[in-house]
C-alpha atoms as a PDB file:
ATOM      1  CA  MET A   1      23.850  -8.221  -7.990  1.00  0.00           C
ATOM      2  CA  ARG A   2      22.653  -4.735  -7.132  1.00  0.00           C
ATOM      3  CA  LEU A   3      19.204  -4.165  -5.659  1.00  0.00           C
ATOM      4  CA  HIS A   4      17.507  -0.918  -4.717  1.00  0.00           C
ATOM      5  CA  PHE A   5      15.030  -1.562  -1.891  1.00  0.00           C
ATOM      6  CA  VAL A   6      12.482   1.219  -1.321  1.00  0.00           C
ATOM      7  CA  VAL A   7      10.919   1.086   2.142  1.00  0.00           C
ATOM      8  CA  PRO A   8       8.770   3.368   4.352  1.00  0.00           C
ATOM      9  CA  VAL A   9      10.637   6.080   6.178  1.00  0.00           C
ATOM     10  CA  GLY A  10       9.507   4.723   9.557  1.00  0.00           C
ATOM     11  CA  ILE A  11      10.750   1.179   9.063  1.00  0.00           C
ATOM     12  CA  ASP A  12      12.817   1.286  12.268  1.00  0.00           C
ATOM     13  CA  ASP A  13      10.413   3.397  14.349  1.00  0.00           C
ATOM     14  CA  ARG A  14       9.929   1.375  17.540  1.00  0.00           C
ATOM     15  CA  THR A  15       6.829   3.380  18.431  1.00  0.00           C
ATOM     16  CA  ARG A  16       5.100   2.124  15.262  1.00  0.00           C
ATOM     17  CA  PRO A  17       6.052  -1.536  14.894  1.00  0.00           C
ATOM     18  CA  SER A  18       4.322  -3.440  12.120  1.00  0.00           C
ATOM     19  CA  GLY A  19       4.498  -6.801  10.437  1.00  0.00           C
ATOM     20  CA  GLY A  20       5.399  -5.102   7.168  1.00  0.00           C
ATOM     21  CA  ASN A  21       8.394  -3.352   8.705  1.00  0.00           C
ATOM     22  CA  VAL A  22       9.593  -6.582  10.314  1.00  0.00           C
ATOM     23  CA  TYR A  23       9.231  -8.345   6.973  1.00  0.00           C
ATOM     24  CA  ASP A  24      11.210  -5.664   5.109  1.00  0.00           C
ATOM     25  CA  ARG A  25      14.006  -5.598   7.664  1.00  0.00           C
ATOM     26  CA  ARG A  26      14.403  -9.377   7.833  1.00  0.00           C
ATOM     27  CA  LEU A  27      14.133  -9.743   4.053  1.00  0.00           C
ATOM     28  CA  GLY A  28      16.810  -7.112   3.455  1.00  0.00           C
ATOM     29  CA  THR A  29      19.177  -8.875   5.837  1.00  0.00           C
ATOM     30  CA  GLU A  30      18.667 -12.238   4.148  1.00  0.00           C
ATOM     31  CA  LEU A  31      19.048 -10.794   0.637  1.00  0.00           C
ATOM     32  CA  VAL A  32      22.460  -9.429   1.625  1.00  0.00           C
ATOM     33  CA  LYS A  33      23.408 -12.914   2.803  1.00  0.00           C
ATOM     34  CA  ALA A  34      22.209 -14.221  -0.575  1.00  0.00           C
ATOM     35  CA  ALA A  35      24.803 -12.034  -2.349  1.00  0.00           C
ATOM     36  CA  TRP A  36      22.561  -9.089  -3.239  1.00  0.00           C
ATOM     37  CA  ASP A  37      24.182  -5.666  -2.900  1.00  0.00           C
ATOM     38  CA  VAL A  38      21.222  -3.920  -1.263  1.00  0.00           C
ATOM     39  CA  TYR A  39      20.848  -0.139  -1.376  1.00  0.00           C
ATOM     40  CA  GLU A  40      18.047   0.914   0.948  1.00  0.00           C
ATOM     41  CA  HIS A  41      15.976   4.028   0.225  1.00  0.00           C
ATOM     42  CA  HIS A  42      13.613   5.410   2.878  1.00  0.00           C
ATOM     43  CA  VAL A  43      10.724   7.438   1.462  1.00  0.00           C
ATOM     44  CA  ALA A  44       7.787   9.190   3.117  1.00  0.00           C
ATOM     45  CA  ASP A  45       5.552  10.083   0.203  1.00  0.00           C
ATOM     46  CA  GLU A  46       5.054  10.065  -3.556  1.00  0.00           C
ATOM     47  CA  ALA A  47       7.281  13.087  -4.115  1.00  0.00           C
ATOM     48  CA  GLU A  48      10.222  11.406  -2.373  1.00  0.00           C
ATOM     49  CA  LEU A  49       9.575   8.186  -4.262  1.00  0.00           C
ATOM     50  CA  ALA A  50       9.662  10.097  -7.552  1.00  0.00           C
ATOM     51  CA  LEU A  51      13.055  11.597  -6.660  1.00  0.00           C
ATOM     52  CA  VAL A  52      14.500   8.222  -5.688  1.00  0.00           C
ATOM     53  CA  LEU A  53      13.319   6.434  -8.828  1.00  0.00           C
ATOM     54  CA  ALA A  54      14.404   9.272 -11.124  1.00  0.00           C
ATOM     55  CA  GLY A  55      17.905   9.111  -9.699  1.00  0.00           C
ATOM     56  CA  LEU A  56      18.444   5.416 -10.423  1.00  0.00           C
ATOM     57  CA  GLU A  57      20.392   4.139 -13.398  1.00  0.00           C
ATOM     58  CA  ASP A  58      18.571   2.702 -16.413  1.00  0.00           C
ATOM     59  CA  GLY A  59      17.850  -0.992 -15.992  1.00  0.00           C
ATOM     60  CA  ALA A  60      18.186  -0.915 -12.198  1.00  0.00           C
ATOM     61  CA  THR A  61      16.396  -3.650 -10.279  1.00  0.00           C
ATOM     62  CA  VAL A  62      14.091  -2.077  -7.699  1.00  0.00           C
ATOM     63  CA  LEU A  63      12.015  -3.734  -4.973  1.00  0.00           C
ATOM     64  CA  VAL A  64       9.341  -1.330  -3.720  1.00  0.00           C
ATOM     65  CA  ASP A  65       7.310  -1.811  -0.557  1.00  0.00           C
ATOM     66  CA  GLY A  66       3.670  -1.485  -1.565  1.00  0.00           C
ATOM     67  CA  LEU A  67       2.981   0.841   1.370  1.00  0.00           C
ATOM     68  CA  VAL A  68       4.916   3.534  -0.483  1.00  0.00           C
ATOM     69  CA  GLY A  69       4.618   2.392  -4.092  1.00  0.00           C
ATOM     70  CA  ALA A  70       1.312   0.638  -4.709  1.00  0.00           C
ATOM     71  CA  THR A  71      -0.613   3.852  -5.385  1.00  0.00           C
ATOM     72  CA  ALA A  72       2.186   6.027  -6.731  1.00  0.00           C
ATOM     73  CA  GLU A  73       2.218   7.430 -10.251  1.00  0.00           C
ATOM     74  CA  PRO A  74       6.063   7.606 -10.351  1.00  0.00           C
ATOM     75  CA  MET A  75       6.057   3.811 -10.528  1.00  0.00           C
ATOM     76  CA  VAL A  76       4.201   3.946 -13.833  1.00  0.00           C
ATOM     77  CA  ALA A  77       6.314   6.807 -15.156  1.00  0.00           C
ATOM     78  CA  GLU A  78       9.613   4.979 -14.489  1.00  0.00           C
ATOM     79  CA  SER A  79       8.497   1.476 -15.458  1.00  0.00           C
ATOM     80  CA  GLY A  80       9.893   1.730 -18.986  1.00  0.00           C
ATOM     81  CA  ARG A  81      13.515   2.026 -17.849  1.00  0.00           C
ATOM     82  CA  LEU A  82      13.595   0.330 -14.413  1.00  0.00           C
ATOM     83  CA  ARG A  83      12.931  -3.267 -13.402  1.00  0.00           C
ATOM     84  CA  LEU A  84      10.254  -2.789 -10.768  1.00  0.00           C
ATOM     85  CA  VAL A  85       9.002  -5.423  -8.347  1.00  0.00           C
ATOM     86  CA  VAL A  86       6.196  -4.493  -5.927  1.00  0.00           C
ATOM     87  CA  LEU A  87       6.014  -6.132  -2.507  1.00  0.00           C
ATOM     88  CA  LEU A  88       2.395  -6.065  -1.306  1.00  0.00           C
ATOM     89  CA  HIS A  89       1.956  -6.492   2.423  1.00  0.00           C
ATOM     90  CA  MET A  90      -1.731  -5.678   2.000  1.00  0.00           C
ATOM     91  CA  ALA A  91      -3.923  -6.603  -0.948  1.00  0.00           C
ATOM     92  CA  VAL A  92      -4.613  -2.964  -1.774  1.00  0.00           C
ATOM     93  CA  ALA A  93      -3.058  -1.392  -4.844  1.00  0.00           C
ATOM     94  CA  GLU A  94      -3.671   0.778  -7.866  1.00  0.00           C
ATOM     95  CA  ARG A  95      -4.182  -1.255 -11.000  1.00  0.00           C
ATOM     96  CA  ASN A  96      -1.882   0.807 -13.219  1.00  0.00           C
ATOM     97  CA  VAL A  97       1.010   0.366 -10.792  1.00  0.00           C
ATOM     98  CA  LEU A  98       0.706  -3.410 -10.723  1.00  0.00           C
ATOM     99  CA  HIS A  99       0.449  -3.640 -14.506  1.00  0.00           C
ATOM    100  CA  ALA A 100       3.525  -1.434 -14.822  1.00  0.00           C
ATOM    101  CA  ALA A 101       5.597  -3.639 -12.512  1.00  0.00           C
ATOM    102  CA  ASP A 102       7.715  -6.489 -13.835  1.00  0.00           C
ATOM    103  CA  ALA A 103       6.548  -8.686 -10.960  1.00  0.00           C
ATOM    104  CA  VAL A 104       4.381  -8.544  -7.856  1.00  0.00           C
ATOM    105  CA  LEU A 105       5.086 -10.295  -4.555  1.00  0.00           C
ATOM    106  CA  THR A 106       2.319 -11.096  -2.073  1.00  0.00           C
ATOM    107  CA  THR A 107       2.553 -12.547   1.419  1.00  0.00           C
ATOM    108  CA  SER A 108      -0.117 -15.247   1.032  1.00  0.00           C
ATOM    109  CA  SER A 109      -1.762 -17.400  -1.595  1.00  0.00           C
ATOM    110  CA  TRP A 110      -5.047 -15.686  -0.781  1.00  0.00           C
ATOM    111  CA  ALA A 111      -3.552 -12.271  -1.591  1.00  0.00           C
ATOM    112  CA  ARG A 112      -2.018 -13.591  -4.819  1.00  0.00           C
ATOM    113  CA  GLN A 113      -5.354 -14.946  -5.971  1.00  0.00           C
ATOM    114  CA  TRP A 114      -7.090 -11.701  -5.102  1.00  0.00           C
ATOM    115  CA  VAL A 115      -4.545  -9.624  -7.044  1.00  0.00           C
ATOM    116  CA  VAL A 116      -4.768 -11.868 -10.113  1.00  0.00           C
ATOM    117  CA  GLU A 117      -8.563 -11.885 -10.150  1.00  0.00           C
ATOM    118  CA  HIS A 118      -9.224  -8.227  -9.321  1.00  0.00           C
ATOM    119  CA  HIS A 119      -6.436  -6.626 -11.335  1.00  0.00           C
ATOM    120  CA  GLY A 120      -6.290  -8.960 -14.312  1.00  0.00           C
ATOM    121  CA  LEU A 121      -2.585  -9.713 -13.953  1.00  0.00           C
ATOM    122  CA  ALA A 122      -1.013 -12.722 -15.617  1.00  0.00           C
ATOM    123  CA  PRO A 123      -0.646 -15.394 -12.921  1.00  0.00           C
ATOM    124  CA  ASP A 124       3.032 -15.919 -13.741  1.00  0.00           C
ATOM    125  CA  ARG A 125       3.785 -12.301 -12.752  1.00  0.00           C
ATOM    126  CA  VAL A 126       2.385 -12.632  -9.216  1.00  0.00           C
ATOM    127  CA  HIS A 127       4.319 -14.655  -6.637  1.00  0.00           C
ATOM    128  CA  VAL A 128       3.907 -15.684  -3.009  1.00  0.00           C
ATOM    129  CA  ALA A 129       6.643 -15.046  -0.433  1.00  0.00           C
ATOM    130  CA  VAL A 130       5.105 -15.837   2.935  1.00  0.00           C
ATOM    131  CA  PRO A 131       6.730 -14.251   5.995  1.00  0.00           C
ATOM    132  CA  GLY A 132       9.430 -16.335   7.593  1.00  0.00           C
ATOM    133  CA  MET A 133       9.045 -17.395  11.198  1.00  0.00           C
ATOM    134  CA  ASP A 134      11.562 -17.986  13.961  1.00  0.00           C
ATOM    135  CA  PRO A 135      10.330 -20.797  16.212  1.00  0.00           C
ATOM    136  CA  GLY A 136      10.607 -19.584  19.799  1.00  0.00           C
ATOM    137  CA  PRO A 137      10.575 -21.430  23.089  1.00  0.00           C
ATOM    138  CA  ARG A 138       7.281 -23.156  23.757  1.00  0.00           C
ATOM    139  CA  ALA A 139       4.949 -21.035  25.866  1.00  0.00           C
ATOM    140  CA  THR A 140       4.098 -22.837  29.078  1.00  0.00           C
ATOM    141  CA  GLY A 141       0.460 -21.739  29.217  1.00  0.00           C
ATOM    142  CA  SER A 142      -1.768 -21.903  32.277  1.00  0.00           C
ATOM    143  CA  ALA A 143      -4.180 -24.542  33.513  1.00  0.00           C
ATOM    144  CA  THR A 144      -7.230 -22.377  32.855  1.00  0.00           C
ATOM    145  CA  GLY A 145      -6.139 -20.949  29.492  1.00  0.00           C
ATOM    146  CA  GLY A 146      -7.160 -17.452  30.561  1.00  0.00           C
ATOM    147  CA  HIS A 147      -4.144 -15.417  29.437  1.00  0.00           C
ATOM    148  CA  LEU A 148      -5.186 -13.869  26.112  1.00  0.00           C
ATOM    149  CA  LEU A 149      -3.009 -11.778  23.785  1.00  0.00           C
ATOM    150  CA  CYS A 150      -3.928  -9.502  20.890  1.00  0.00           C
ATOM    151  CA  VAL A 151      -1.085  -7.933  18.871  1.00  0.00           C
ATOM    152  CA  GLY A 152      -1.526  -5.067  16.426  1.00  0.00           C
ATOM    153  CA  PRO A 153      -2.179  -1.325  16.300  1.00  0.00           C
ATOM    154  CA  VAL A 154      -5.343  -0.465  18.188  1.00  0.00           C
ATOM    155  CA  THR A 155      -7.515   0.683  15.278  1.00  0.00           C
ATOM    156  CA  PRO A 156     -10.965  -0.201  13.911  1.00  0.00           C
ATOM    157  CA  GLU A 157      -9.350  -2.259  11.129  1.00  0.00           C
ATOM    158  CA  LYS A 158      -7.902  -4.645  13.707  1.00  0.00           C
ATOM    159  CA  GLY A 159     -11.319  -5.193  15.268  1.00  0.00           C
ATOM    160  CA  HIS A 160     -10.536  -4.401  18.890  1.00  0.00           C
ATOM    161  CA  ASP A 161     -14.098  -3.141  19.321  1.00  0.00           C
ATOM    162  CA  VAL A 162     -15.471  -6.555  18.345  1.00  0.00           C
ATOM    163  CA  LEU A 163     -12.957  -8.266  20.632  1.00  0.00           C
ATOM    164  CA  LEU A 164     -13.907  -6.222  23.682  1.00  0.00           C
ATOM    165  CA  ALA A 165     -17.611  -6.664  22.932  1.00  0.00           C
ATOM    166  CA  ALA A 166     -17.079 -10.435  22.829  1.00  0.00           C
ATOM    167  CA  LEU A 167     -15.051 -10.392  26.042  1.00  0.00           C
ATOM    168  CA  GLY A 168     -17.846  -8.435  27.693  1.00  0.00           C
ATOM    169  CA  GLU A 169     -20.038 -11.533  27.295  1.00  0.00           C
ATOM    170  CA  LEU A 170     -17.515 -13.655  29.210  1.00  0.00           C
ATOM    171  CA  ARG A 171     -17.378 -11.845  32.520  1.00  0.00           C
ATOM    172  CA  ASP A 172     -18.547 -15.018  34.276  1.00  0.00           C
ATOM    173  CA  LEU A 173     -15.245 -16.695  33.323  1.00  0.00           C
ATOM    174  CA  GLN A 174     -11.667 -16.134  34.446  1.00  0.00           C
ATOM    175  CA  TRP A 175      -9.492 -14.393  31.859  1.00  0.00           C
ATOM    176  CA  ARG A 176      -7.337 -11.360  31.211  1.00  0.00           C
ATOM    177  CA  CYS A 177      -6.375  -9.893  27.856  1.00  0.00           C
ATOM    178  CA  THR A 178      -3.242  -7.964  26.900  1.00  0.00           C
ATOM    179  CA  CYS A 179      -3.456  -5.756  23.806  1.00  0.00           C
ATOM    180  CA  VAL A 180      -0.029  -4.866  22.413  1.00  0.00           C
ATOM    181  CA  GLY A 181       0.220  -2.173  19.747  1.00  0.00           C
ATOM    182  CA  ALA A 182       0.226   1.519  18.943  1.00  0.00           C
ATOM    183  CA  LEU A 183      -2.390   3.592  20.788  1.00  0.00           C
ATOM    184  CA  ASP A 184      -1.952   6.921  18.979  1.00  0.00           C
ATOM    185  CA  LEU A 185      -3.297   6.118  15.504  1.00  0.00           C
ATOM    186  CA  ASP A 186      -6.944   6.603  16.536  1.00  0.00           C
ATOM    187  CA  PRO A 187      -7.032   8.016  20.100  1.00  0.00           C
ATOM    188  CA  ALA A 188     -10.815   8.490  20.086  1.00  0.00           C
ATOM    189  CA  PHE A 189     -11.281   4.810  19.233  1.00  0.00           C
ATOM    190  CA  VAL A 190      -8.934   3.811  22.070  1.00  0.00           C
ATOM    191  CA  ASP A 191     -10.855   6.015  24.502  1.00  0.00           C
ATOM    192  CA  ARG A 192     -14.117   4.303  23.547  1.00  0.00           C
ATOM    193  CA  LEU A 193     -12.557   0.886  24.108  1.00  0.00           C
ATOM    194  CA  ARG A 194     -11.427   1.906  27.587  1.00  0.00           C
ATOM    195  CA  GLU A 195     -15.040   2.688  28.458  1.00  0.00           C
ATOM    196  CA  SER A 196     -16.297  -0.775  27.484  1.00  0.00           C
ATOM    197  CA  ALA A 197     -17.702  -3.297  29.936  1.00  0.00           C
ATOM    198  CA  ALA A 198     -14.641  -5.539  29.679  1.00  0.00           C
ATOM    199  CA  ALA A 199     -11.995  -2.822  29.907  1.00  0.00           C
ATOM    200  CA  ASP A 200     -11.138  -3.496  33.570  1.00  0.00           C
ATOM    201  CA  ARG A 201      -9.666  -6.862  32.562  1.00  0.00           C
ATOM    202  CA  VAL A 202      -7.893  -5.631  29.423  1.00  0.00           C
ATOM    203  CA  THR A 203      -4.428  -4.076  29.440  1.00  0.00           C
ATOM    204  CA  PHE A 204      -3.340  -1.761  26.617  1.00  0.00           C
ATOM    205  CA  THR A 205       0.451  -1.761  26.731  1.00  0.00           C
ATOM    206  CA  GLY A 206       1.249   0.284  23.646  1.00  0.00           C
ATOM    207  CA  PRO A 207       4.192  -0.929  21.520  1.00  0.00           C
ATOM    208  CA  LEU A 208       6.648  -3.326  23.160  1.00  0.00           C
ATOM    209  CA  THR A 209      10.223  -4.183  22.340  1.00  0.00           C
ATOM    210  CA  PRO A 210      10.829  -7.683  20.936  1.00  0.00           C
ATOM    211  CA  ARG A 211      12.173  -8.783  24.320  1.00  0.00           C
ATOM    212  CA  GLN A 212       9.151  -7.396  26.170  1.00  0.00           C
ATOM    213  CA  LEU A 213       6.802  -9.072  23.701  1.00  0.00           C
ATOM    214  CA  GLU A 214       8.657 -12.344  24.194  1.00  0.00           C
ATOM    215  CA  GLU A 215       8.114 -12.052  27.959  1.00  0.00           C
ATOM    216  CA  VAL A 216       4.389 -11.446  27.446  1.00  0.00           C
ATOM    217  CA  GLY A 217       4.221 -14.332  24.987  1.00  0.00           C
ATOM    218  CA  SER A 218       5.816 -16.735  27.439  1.00  0.00           C
ATOM    219  CA  GLU A 219       2.768 -16.313  29.709  1.00  0.00           C
ATOM    220  CA  THR A 220       0.163 -16.358  26.922  1.00  0.00           C
ATOM    221  CA  ASP A 221      -2.380 -19.133  26.457  1.00  0.00           C
ATOM    222  CA  LEU A 222      -4.182 -17.909  23.355  1.00  0.00           C
ATOM    223  CA  VAL A 223      -3.577 -15.339  20.608  1.00  0.00           C
ATOM    224  CA  VAL A 224      -6.758 -13.586  19.504  1.00  0.00           C
ATOM    225  CA  SER A 225      -7.328 -11.523  16.356  1.00  0.00           C
ATOM    226  CA  ALA A 226     -10.648  -9.926  15.444  1.00  0.00           C
ATOM    227  CA  SER A 227      -9.094  -8.169  12.445  1.00  0.00           C
ATOM    228  CA  ARG A 228     -11.338  -7.040   9.613  1.00  0.00           C
ATOM    229  CA  ARG A 229      -8.569  -7.297   6.994  1.00  0.00           C
ATOM    230  CA  GLU A 230      -5.421  -9.409   6.862  1.00  0.00           C
ATOM    231  CA  SER A 231      -3.334 -10.406   3.873  1.00  0.00           C
ATOM    232  CA  TYR A 232      -1.557 -13.007   6.007  1.00  0.00           C
ATOM    233  CA  GLY A 233      -1.515 -12.469   9.765  1.00  0.00           C
ATOM    234  CA  MET A 234       2.030 -12.307  11.096  1.00  0.00           C
ATOM    235  CA  ALA A 235       0.837 -11.737  14.660  1.00  0.00           C
ATOM    236  CA  VAL A 236      -1.053 -15.027  14.784  1.00  0.00           C
ATOM    237  CA  ALA A 237       1.779 -16.869  13.019  1.00  0.00           C
ATOM    238  CA  GLU A 238       4.296 -15.540  15.533  1.00  0.00           C
ATOM    239  CA  GLY A 239       2.111 -16.875  18.320  1.00  0.00           C
ATOM    240  CA  LEU A 240       1.939 -20.278  16.666  1.00  0.00           C
ATOM    241  CA  ALA A 241       5.725 -20.233  16.339  1.00  0.00           C
ATOM    242  CA  ARG A 242       5.697 -20.452  20.146  1.00  0.00           C
ATOM    243  CA  CYS A 243       3.014 -23.182  20.163  1.00  0.00           C
ATOM    244  CA  ILE A 244       0.283 -20.736  21.201  1.00  0.00           C
ATOM    245  CA  PRO A 245      -3.107 -21.569  19.633  1.00  0.00           C
ATOM    246  CA  VAL A 246      -5.235 -18.955  17.924  1.00  0.00           C
ATOM    247  CA  VAL A 247      -8.790 -17.686  17.709  1.00  0.00           C
ATOM    248  CA  ALA A 248      -9.063 -15.403  14.681  1.00  0.00           C
ATOM    249  CA  THR A 249     -11.402 -14.055  12.050  1.00  0.00           C
ATOM    250  CA  ASP A 250     -11.880 -16.133   8.914  1.00  0.00           C
ATOM    251  CA  VAL A 251     -10.613 -13.348   6.703  1.00  0.00           C
ATOM    252  CA  GLY A 252      -7.981 -12.937   3.988  1.00  0.00           C
ATOM    253  CA  GLY A 253      -4.820 -14.906   4.716  1.00  0.00           C
ATOM    254  CA  HIS A 254      -5.723 -15.853   8.295  1.00  0.00           C
ATOM    255  CA  PRO A 255      -6.759 -19.425   7.377  1.00  0.00           C
ATOM    256  CA  GLU A 256      -3.364 -19.987   5.728  1.00  0.00           C
ATOM    257  CA  ALA A 257      -1.468 -18.692   8.739  1.00  0.00           C
ATOM    258  CA  VAL A 258      -3.541 -20.554  11.326  1.00  0.00           C
ATOM    259  CA  GLY A 259      -4.005 -23.893   9.607  1.00  0.00           C
ATOM    260  CA  ALA A 260      -5.661 -26.374  11.969  1.00  0.00           C
ATOM    261  CA  ALA A 261      -4.106 -24.827  15.087  1.00  0.00           C
ATOM    262  CA  GLY A 262      -6.987 -22.562  16.018  1.00  0.00           C
ATOM    263  CA  LEU A 263     -10.615 -21.588  15.715  1.00  0.00           C
ATOM    264  CA  LEU A 264     -11.834 -19.266  12.943  1.00  0.00           C
ATOM    265  CA  VAL A 265     -14.914 -17.057  13.286  1.00  0.00           C
ATOM    266  CA  PRO A 266     -16.756 -14.773  10.849  1.00  0.00           C
ATOM    267  CA  VAL A 267     -15.554 -11.188  10.685  1.00  0.00           C
ATOM    268  CA  ASP A 268     -17.547  -8.601  12.678  1.00  0.00           C
ATOM    269  CA  ASP A 269     -19.422 -11.323  14.566  1.00  0.00           C
ATOM    270  CA  GLU A 270     -18.940 -10.637  18.268  1.00  0.00           C
ATOM    271  CA  ARG A 271     -21.277 -13.469  19.290  1.00  0.00           C
ATOM    272  CA  ALA A 272     -19.337 -16.062  17.279  1.00  0.00           C
ATOM    273  CA  LEU A 273     -16.073 -14.744  18.723  1.00  0.00           C
ATOM    274  CA  ALA A 274     -17.486 -14.904  22.259  1.00  0.00           C
ATOM    275  CA  ASP A 275     -18.673 -18.484  21.659  1.00  0.00           C
ATOM    276  CA  ALA A 276     -15.234 -19.548  20.386  1.00  0.00           C
ATOM    277  CA  LEU A 277     -13.497 -17.950  23.368  1.00  0.00           C
ATOM    278  CA  ARG A 278     -15.971 -19.577  25.761  1.00  0.00           C
ATOM    279  CA  ARG A 279     -15.205 -22.975  24.207  1.00  0.00           C
ATOM    280  CA  TRP A 280     -11.497 -22.352  24.698  1.00  0.00           C
ATOM    281  CA  LEU A 281     -11.896 -21.232  28.311  1.00  0.00           C
ATOM    282  CA  THR A 282     -14.239 -24.038  29.388  1.00  0.00           C
ATOM    283  CA  ASP A 283     -12.985 -27.081  27.479  1.00  0.00           C
ATOM    284  CA  ALA A 284      -9.648 -28.421  28.737  1.00  0.00           C
ATOM    285  CA  THR A 285      -9.628 -31.149  26.096  1.00  0.00           C
ATOM    286  CA  LEU A 286      -9.973 -28.570  23.321  1.00  0.00           C
ATOM    287  CA  ARG A 287      -7.149 -26.508  24.795  1.00  0.00           C
ATOM    288  CA  GLU A 288      -4.817 -29.502  24.889  1.00  0.00           C
ATOM    289  CA  ARG A 289      -5.700 -30.524  21.324  1.00  0.00           C
ATOM    290  CA  LEU A 290      -5.122 -27.020  19.935  1.00  0.00           C
ATOM    291  CA  ARG A 291      -1.838 -26.703  21.802  1.00  0.00           C
ATOM    292  CA  GLU A 292      -0.586 -29.894  20.190  1.00  0.00           C
ATOM    293  CA  LEU A 293      -1.763 -28.714  16.762  1.00  0.00           C
ATOM    294  CA  ALA A 294       0.044 -25.404  17.327  1.00  0.00           C
ATOM    295  CA  ALA A 295       3.227 -27.326  18.132  1.00  0.00           C
ATOM    296  CA  GLN A 296       2.848 -29.173  14.833  1.00  0.00           C
ATOM    297  CA  ARG A 297       2.047 -25.991  12.911  1.00  0.00           C
ATOM    298  CA  ARG A 298       5.209 -24.213  13.978  1.00  0.00           C
ATOM    299  CA  THR A 299       7.339 -26.872  12.284  1.00  0.00           C
ATOM    300  CA  THR A 300       5.757 -26.091   8.901  1.00  0.00           C
ATOM    301  CA  PHE A 301       6.421 -22.346   8.664  1.00  0.00           C
ATOM    302  CA  ALA A 302       8.910 -21.016   6.129  1.00  0.00           C
ATOM    303  CA  THR A 303      12.185 -19.652   7.467  1.00  0.00           C
ATOM    304  CA  TRP A 304      13.407 -16.181   6.530  1.00  0.00           C
ATOM    305  CA  PRO A 305      16.207 -17.603   4.326  1.00  0.00           C
ATOM    306  CA  GLU A 306      13.538 -19.595   2.452  1.00  0.00           C
ATOM    307  CA  THR A 307      11.417 -16.474   2.014  1.00  0.00           C
ATOM    308  CA  ALA A 308      14.454 -14.581   0.745  1.00  0.00           C
ATOM    309  CA  ARG A 309      15.214 -17.332  -1.790  1.00  0.00           C
ATOM    310  CA  VAL A 310      11.739 -16.938  -3.276  1.00  0.00           C
ATOM    311  CA  VAL A 311      12.143 -13.164  -3.489  1.00  0.00           C
ATOM    312  CA  SER A 312      15.664 -13.478  -4.884  1.00  0.00           C
ATOM    313  CA  ASP A 313      14.448 -15.747  -7.662  1.00  0.00           C
ATOM    314  CA  VAL A 314      11.688 -13.294  -8.597  1.00  0.00           C
ATOM    315  CA  LEU A 315      14.140 -10.372  -8.609  1.00  0.00           C
ATOM    316  CA  SER A 316      16.650 -12.264 -10.744  1.00  0.00           C
ATOM    317  CA  ARG A 317      14.025 -13.100 -13.358  1.00  0.00           C
ATOM    318  CA  ALA A 318      12.672  -9.549 -13.354  1.00  0.00           C
ATOM    319  CA  ALA A 319      16.145  -8.212 -13.990  1.00  0.00           C
ATOM    320  CA  VAL A 320      16.473 -10.055 -17.306  1.00  0.00           C
ATOM    321  CA  VAL A 321      12.903 -10.361 -18.584  1.00  0.00           C
ATOM    322  CA  ASN A 322      11.907  -8.695 -21.839  1.00  0.00           C
ATOM    323  CA  ARG A 323       8.494  -7.225 -21.162  1.00  0.00           C
ATOM    324  CA  PRO A 324       5.865  -6.473 -23.802  1.00  0.00           C
ATOM    325  CA  PRO A 325       4.817  -2.837 -24.265  1.00  0.00           C
ATOM    326  CA  LEU A 326       2.804  -1.475 -21.358  1.00  0.00           C
ATOM    327  CA  VAL A 327      -0.941  -1.527 -21.975  1.00  0.00           C
ATOM    328  CA  SER A 328      -2.890   1.332 -20.439  1.00  0.00           C
ATOM    329  CA  VAL A 329      -5.603   0.255 -18.003  1.00  0.00           C
ATOM    330  CA  SER A 330      -8.104   2.117 -15.889  1.00  0.00           C
ATOM    331  CA  PRO A 331      -6.236   3.612 -12.901  1.00  0.00           C
ATOM    332  CA  ARG A 332      -8.782   2.713 -10.245  1.00  0.00           C
ATOM    333  CA  GLU A 333      -7.968   1.579  -6.743  1.00  0.00           C
ATOM    334  CA  GLU A 334      -9.325  -1.760  -5.597  1.00  0.00           C
ATOM    335  CA  HIS A 335     -10.034  -2.847  -2.028  1.00  0.00           C
ATOM    336  CA  PRO A 336     -10.637  -6.497  -1.265  1.00  0.00           C
ATOM    337  CA  THR A 337     -13.835  -7.742   0.248  1.00  0.00           C
ATOM    338  CA  GLU A 338     -12.763 -10.288   2.818  1.00  0.00           C
ATOM    339  CA  GLY A 339     -14.555 -12.720   5.006  1.00  0.00           C
END
């Protein structure tokens, strides 16, 4: 079976790691193992996407990463002759594109529900393929629980400003926080963070290699995410895969990823985040309970082969489905309100 997989041009850029890129790379590998003949196309913008789609044979099955295809008019233009499946890493898309696609894949049940409700798609055309997880060695943790880790690009969307404000209220306690992620997307924002009251106990590493991140994770007690928008939350799930509990915002797909193995706080609420972190740092019984719940949670994650089987099934059905004529809808972009 032949599959054309359209991905962002920077999928392998180690200076800009992202959960979406990891997902695409692992999915592509597993689809090859599942007997798909995968042709990968790297595109940077709408013009390049248009050229790629125009050059494909009629009836081709095409999986398009939503980061390059969810707001692109070429998707609508080519929908009549190609079998298009959109993979949404974030619940942000243009309505016309999703209605033109033969199927839509989301990374959480929350994102699926949001897409169905806000874009009026038939529920049977929207499917959930949660990220797979590789259980790692159990992090040893420390007696005080003070080694905190936040993973993600350092941008306002990820809520680092709220995190540092919350940490600033905990200077009477022993802790240190490592922030792993790109520092060049919003340099002015990073500079402001480095001037905060808690900055002397926060390390901004920039991107790390998988091996370096594994070394940091082995010494981590708690993964923290103050993100303002998450369709799933691969960073917190990857921590749980090493039995590391989580404190995260109650937003988007975070509750699905965390389960019972962490504490959830309202988005943009630095006081609630500070209170949750204080509970973690001062209550040894809570730390032990959450560590055991994290150990249980890691046994319930999907594997990458399981994720690929879901995607493969959706692609196979899209390749043979007879779709009704495309109905024109208002081409407006929707952004989810989370929290």
